Amino acid sequence: MAKPLHILARPEDIAPRVIASGDPARVRQLSSLLEGARLVNENRGFLVYTGRWKGVDVTVATHGIGAPSASIVFEELIMLGARLIIRFGTCGGFLRDMRVGDFVIATGASYIPGGTLSTYTRGDCMAAVPDYEVLHRLVEKAEEYSLRYFLGPVISSDNFYAGIDFLNEWVKRGMIAVDMEAASLMVLSRIRGVKAGAAFVISDVIGEAYAKMATAEELRDAVDRASRAVLDAAVSVRL
């Protein structure tokens, strides 16, 4: 098996259950909720902490921005023993009744063929969908925590500044939000035989994209509430 080159942790440092986020600030916030959290990697800025949530070992990890960065981290976490990875990030909301701070759970992720994903699929189309139990648990915990949530497919775009016209095309196709990494995780998880899912806090909404995106600090309370639901979901999935 290949040896990780970026996540310089030992297998015993990584829990089977992982929650991954792009923003190191969100990972630090997640780690603050864990009992006995310890920093097990900071190489390349990929902060990784492992602790316990309700008596179960959980790792929270930074995956950076975009498919290439995220796929490196997902691959290396799997090398180190991860059997479940939930991407918990931010997204741009597409529905008119969405508000900043709302919760989104992805039932699947569309993507443009090419780039990182094409190296896994050789250009073929592959279903980018979450593990059903992970999806079910995310919905269940969102209900338990009374989160205002939306359920549906998202578009994972490699281009953050693709523009409103690009996003509107995906609105017309029934997508409810945009992120950059969910599709890569879902495809990679199928190939590597691990469970995966994706959930988000909305940082901006269509019509305000590029002009008014909430900061990590502005989203702190919403992330705190959603984090507890995601952590509960992670520890309730059977491995």
Protein backbone atom coordinates (compact mmCIF):
# COMPACT_ATOMS: atom_id res chain seq x y z
CA MET A 1 0.00 0.00 0.00
CA ALA A 2 1.20 3.50 -0.81
CA LYS A 3 2.51 5.64 2.04
CA PRO A 4 0.85 9.04 2.65
CA LEU A 5 3.05 11.95 1.62
CA HIS A 6 0.94 14.84 2.90
CA ILE A 7 -0.95 13.57 5.95
CA LEU A 8 2.04 12.61 8.06
CA ALA A 9 0.12 10.68 10.68
CA ARG A 10 0.27 7.06 11.79
CA PRO A 11 -2.62 4.64 11.19
CA GLU A 12 -3.33 4.63 14.92
CA ASP A 13 -3.75 8.43 14.76
CA ILE A 14 -6.69 8.27 12.33
CA ALA A 15 -10.14 7.09 13.41
CA PRO A 16 -12.29 4.94 11.09
CA ARG A 17 -14.84 7.77 11.09
CA VAL A 18 -13.70 11.05 9.50
CA ILE A 19 -15.36 14.41 8.95
CA ALA A 20 -13.49 16.49 6.37
CA SER A 21 -13.78 20.20 5.61
CA GLY A 22 -12.00 22.54 3.25
CA ASP A 23 -11.44 25.37 5.71
CA PRO A 24 -8.91 24.87 8.54
CA ALA A 25 -10.99 27.27 10.67
CA ARG A 26 -13.95 24.88 10.44
CA VAL A 27 -11.74 21.93 11.33
CA ARG A 28 -10.46 23.76 14.40
CA GLN A 29 -14.07 24.52 15.35
CA LEU A 30 -15.03 20.86 14.90
CA SER A 31 -12.06 19.73 16.97
CA SER A 32 -13.17 21.98 19.83
CA LEU A 33 -16.30 19.83 20.17
CA LEU A 34 -14.33 16.60 20.56
CA GLU A 35 -13.22 15.18 23.86
CA GLY A 36 -9.45 14.84 24.12
CA ALA A 37 -8.81 16.22 20.64
CA ARG A 38 -5.15 16.06 19.62
CA LEU A 39 -3.46 17.46 16.54
CA VAL A 40 -2.04 14.57 14.49
CA ASN A 41 -1.05 16.46 11.33
CA GLU A 42 -0.35 20.04 10.28
CA ASN A 43 1.94 19.30 7.33
CA ARG A 44 1.06 21.35 4.22
CA GLY A 45 -1.58 23.16 6.28
CA PHE A 46 -3.83 20.09 6.34
CA LEU A 47 -4.87 20.25 9.98
CA VAL A 48 -6.04 16.87 11.27
CA TYR A 49 -7.34 16.22 14.79
CA THR A 50 -8.53 13.03 16.43
CA GLY A 51 -10.69 12.86 19.53
CA ARG A 52 -13.94 11.33 20.75
CA TRP A 53 -17.59 12.21 20.27
CA LYS A 54 -20.02 10.49 22.62
CA GLY A 55 -17.40 7.88 23.38
CA VAL A 56 -16.53 7.10 19.74
CA ASP A 57 -13.23 7.95 18.03
CA VAL A 58 -13.61 10.58 15.30
CA THR A 59 -11.05 12.35 13.12
CA VAL A 60 -11.66 15.81 11.67
CA ALA A 61 -9.47 16.75 8.72
CA THR A 62 -8.76 19.66 6.38
CA HIS A 63 -8.98 18.78 2.67
CA GLY A 64 -8.32 22.17 1.10
CA ILE A 65 -10.04 23.65 -1.93
CA GLY A 66 -11.02 21.73 -5.04
CA ALA A 67 -10.92 18.16 -6.30
CA PRO A 68 -7.11 17.71 -6.61
CA SER A 69 -6.41 18.79 -3.04
CA ALA A 70 -9.42 17.00 -1.57
CA SER A 71 -8.73 13.75 -3.41
CA ILE A 72 -5.17 13.64 -2.06
CA VAL A 73 -6.47 13.98 1.47
CA PHE A 74 -9.29 11.46 0.98
CA GLU A 75 -6.88 8.93 -0.51
CA GLU A 76 -4.37 9.34 2.30
CA LEU A 77 -7.00 9.14 5.03
CA ILE A 78 -8.20 5.88 3.50
CA MET A 79 -4.58 4.62 3.41
CA LEU A 80 -4.44 5.39 7.13
CA GLY A 81 -7.63 3.47 7.94
CA ALA A 82 -10.63 5.74 7.32
CA ARG A 83 -13.75 3.72 6.51
CA LEU A 84 -16.26 6.57 6.54
CA ILE A 85 -15.70 10.12 5.28
CA ILE A 86 -18.33 12.82 5.49
CA ARG A 87 -17.55 16.08 3.75
CA PHE A 88 -18.94 18.89 5.90
CA GLY A 89 -18.33 22.17 4.15
CA THR A 90 -20.04 25.27 2.85
CA CYS A 91 -21.98 25.67 -0.37
CA GLY A 92 -23.77 28.24 -2.47
CA GLY A 93 -27.54 27.77 -2.30
CA PHE A 94 -29.67 27.82 -5.45
CA LEU A 95 -33.23 27.85 -4.10
CA ARG A 96 -34.96 31.18 -3.56
CA ASP A 97 -36.16 30.30 -0.06
CA MET A 98 -32.70 29.29 1.14
CA ARG A 99 -30.95 31.48 3.67
CA VAL A 100 -27.33 31.82 4.75
CA GLY A 101 -26.79 29.36 7.61
CA ASP A 102 -29.29 26.76 6.36
CA PHE A 103 -28.20 23.12 6.10
CA VAL A 104 -27.98 21.14 2.84
CA ILE A 105 -27.65 17.37 2.54
CA ALA A 106 -26.52 16.08 -0.86
CA THR A 107 -28.39 13.16 -2.41
CA GLY A 108 -25.83 13.15 -5.21
CA ALA A 109 -23.37 15.40 -7.02
CA SER A 110 -23.18 16.29 -10.70
CA TYR A 111 -19.79 17.11 -12.20
CA ILE A 112 -18.17 18.19 -15.46
CA PRO A 113 -16.20 15.27 -16.98
CA GLY A 114 -12.46 15.85 -16.95
CA GLY A 115 -9.82 16.88 -14.45
CA THR A 116 -9.26 14.82 -11.33
CA LEU A 117 -12.41 12.74 -11.71
CA SER A 118 -11.45 11.63 -15.23
CA THR A 119 -8.29 10.02 -13.83
CA TYR A 120 -10.51 7.77 -11.70
CA THR A 121 -13.23 7.08 -14.29
CA ARG A 122 -11.14 7.25 -17.51
CA GLY A 123 -13.66 9.74 -18.81
CA ASP A 124 -16.69 7.53 -18.23
CA CYS A 125 -19.75 8.85 -16.43
CA MET A 126 -20.05 7.45 -12.90
CA ALA A 127 -22.82 7.88 -10.36
CA ALA A 128 -21.61 10.28 -7.68
CA VAL A 129 -23.96 9.35 -4.85
CA PRO A 130 -23.55 8.96 -1.08
CA ASP A 131 -23.79 5.74 0.85
CA TYR A 132 -27.48 5.29 1.67
CA GLU A 133 -27.00 4.75 5.41
CA VAL A 134 -24.84 7.87 5.66
CA LEU A 135 -27.49 9.88 3.81
CA HIS A 136 -30.23 8.46 6.04
CA ARG A 137 -28.31 9.28 9.23
CA LEU A 138 -27.59 12.85 8.10
CA VAL A 139 -31.29 13.43 7.47
CA GLU A 140 -32.25 11.74 10.74
CA LYS A 141 -29.87 13.90 12.78
CA ALA A 142 -30.87 17.09 10.96
CA GLU A 143 -34.43 16.33 12.06
CA GLU A 144 -33.37 15.57 15.63
CA TYR A 145 -31.48 18.86 15.91
CA SER A 146 -34.35 20.78 14.28
CA LEU A 147 -32.07 22.13 11.57
CA ARG A 148 -33.63 24.00 8.68
CA TYR A 149 -32.37 21.72 5.92
CA PHE A 150 -32.73 21.08 2.20
CA LEU A 151 -32.26 17.69 0.56
CA GLY A 152 -31.25 17.22 -3.07
CA PRO A 153 -28.48 16.97 -5.67
CA VAL A 154 -25.64 19.47 -5.93
CA ILE A 155 -23.15 20.43 -8.61
CA SER A 156 -19.44 20.13 -7.78
CA SER A 157 -17.60 22.68 -9.88
CA ASP A 158 -13.83 22.96 -10.34
CA ASN A 159 -14.18 26.68 -11.11
CA PHE A 160 -15.14 28.85 -8.14
CA TYR A 161 -15.55 31.90 -10.40
CA ALA A 162 -17.45 30.15 -13.20
CA GLY A 163 -20.11 32.87 -13.12
CA ILE A 164 -23.84 33.26 -12.60
CA ASP A 165 -24.74 32.05 -16.11
CA PHE A 166 -22.93 28.76 -15.44
CA LEU A 167 -24.69 28.34 -12.09
CA ASN A 168 -28.09 29.15 -13.57
CA GLU A 169 -27.70 26.30 -16.05
CA TRP A 170 -27.39 23.90 -13.12
CA VAL A 171 -30.35 25.50 -11.38
CA LYS A 172 -32.40 24.66 -14.48
CA ARG A 173 -31.18 21.04 -14.23
CA GLY A 174 -32.53 20.67 -10.72
CA MET A 175 -29.41 21.13 -8.64
CA ILE A 176 -30.05 22.82 -5.29
CA ALA A 177 -26.53 24.02 -4.40
CA VAL A 178 -22.93 24.23 -5.58
CA ASP A 179 -19.71 23.05 -3.91
CA MET A 180 -16.33 21.94 -5.22
CA GLU A 181 -15.49 18.54 -3.68
CA ALA A 182 -18.57 16.37 -3.00
CA ALA A 183 -18.53 14.59 -6.36
CA SER A 184 -14.86 13.66 -5.96
CA LEU A 185 -15.51 12.15 -2.54
CA MET A 186 -18.54 10.20 -3.70
CA VAL A 187 -16.80 8.74 -6.75
CA LEU A 188 -13.59 7.98 -4.87
CA SER A 189 -15.47 6.34 -2.00
CA ARG A 190 -17.15 3.91 -4.40
CA ILE A 191 -13.85 2.98 -6.00
CA ARG A 192 -12.05 2.54 -2.67
CA GLY A 193 -14.92 0.76 -0.93
CA VAL A 194 -15.57 3.19 1.93
CA LYS A 195 -18.75 4.93 3.03
CA ALA A 196 -19.23 8.62 2.29
CA GLY A 197 -21.68 11.47 2.34
CA ALA A 198 -21.76 15.25 2.11
CA ALA A 199 -23.53 18.03 3.96
CA PHE A 200 -23.10 21.78 3.96
CA VAL A 201 -23.91 25.06 5.62
CA ILE A 202 -25.02 27.67 3.08
CA SER A 203 -22.56 30.56 2.88
CA ASP A 204 -24.26 32.50 0.06
CA VAL A 205 -27.30 32.19 -2.20
CA ILE A 206 -27.91 32.57 -5.91
CA GLY A 207 -28.11 36.21 -6.93
CA GLU A 208 -25.63 37.17 -4.23
CA ALA A 209 -22.84 34.82 -5.31
CA TYR A 210 -19.38 36.41 -5.44
CA ALA A 211 -20.71 39.54 -3.77
CA LYS A 212 -21.74 38.45 -0.30
CA MET A 213 -20.25 35.21 1.02
CA ALA A 214 -20.39 34.70 4.78
CA THR A 215 -17.07 34.27 6.60
CA ALA A 216 -16.18 31.40 8.92
CA GLU A 217 -16.79 33.67 11.89
CA GLU A 218 -20.19 34.78 10.60
CA LEU A 219 -21.18 31.14 10.11
CA ARG A 220 -19.81 30.00 13.46
CA ASP A 221 -23.15 29.52 15.23
CA ALA A 222 -24.77 27.76 12.27
CA VAL A 223 -21.72 25.52 11.87
CA ASP A 224 -21.78 24.70 15.57
CA ARG A 225 -25.39 23.49 15.38
CA ALA A 226 -24.84 21.55 12.17
CA SER A 227 -21.56 20.07 13.42
CA ARG A 228 -23.35 18.26 16.22
CA ALA A 229 -25.78 16.68 13.77
CA VAL A 230 -22.94 15.61 11.46
CA LEU A 231 -20.91 14.18 14.35
CA ASP A 232 -23.96 12.26 15.58
CA ALA A 233 -24.48 10.91 12.07
CA ALA A 234 -20.84 9.84 11.79
CA VAL A 235 -20.85 7.85 15.03
CA SER A 236 -24.20 6.18 14.28
CA VAL A 237 -23.17 4.69 10.91
CA ARG A 238 -22.34 1.00 11.04
CA LEU A 239 -18.82 0.12 9.89
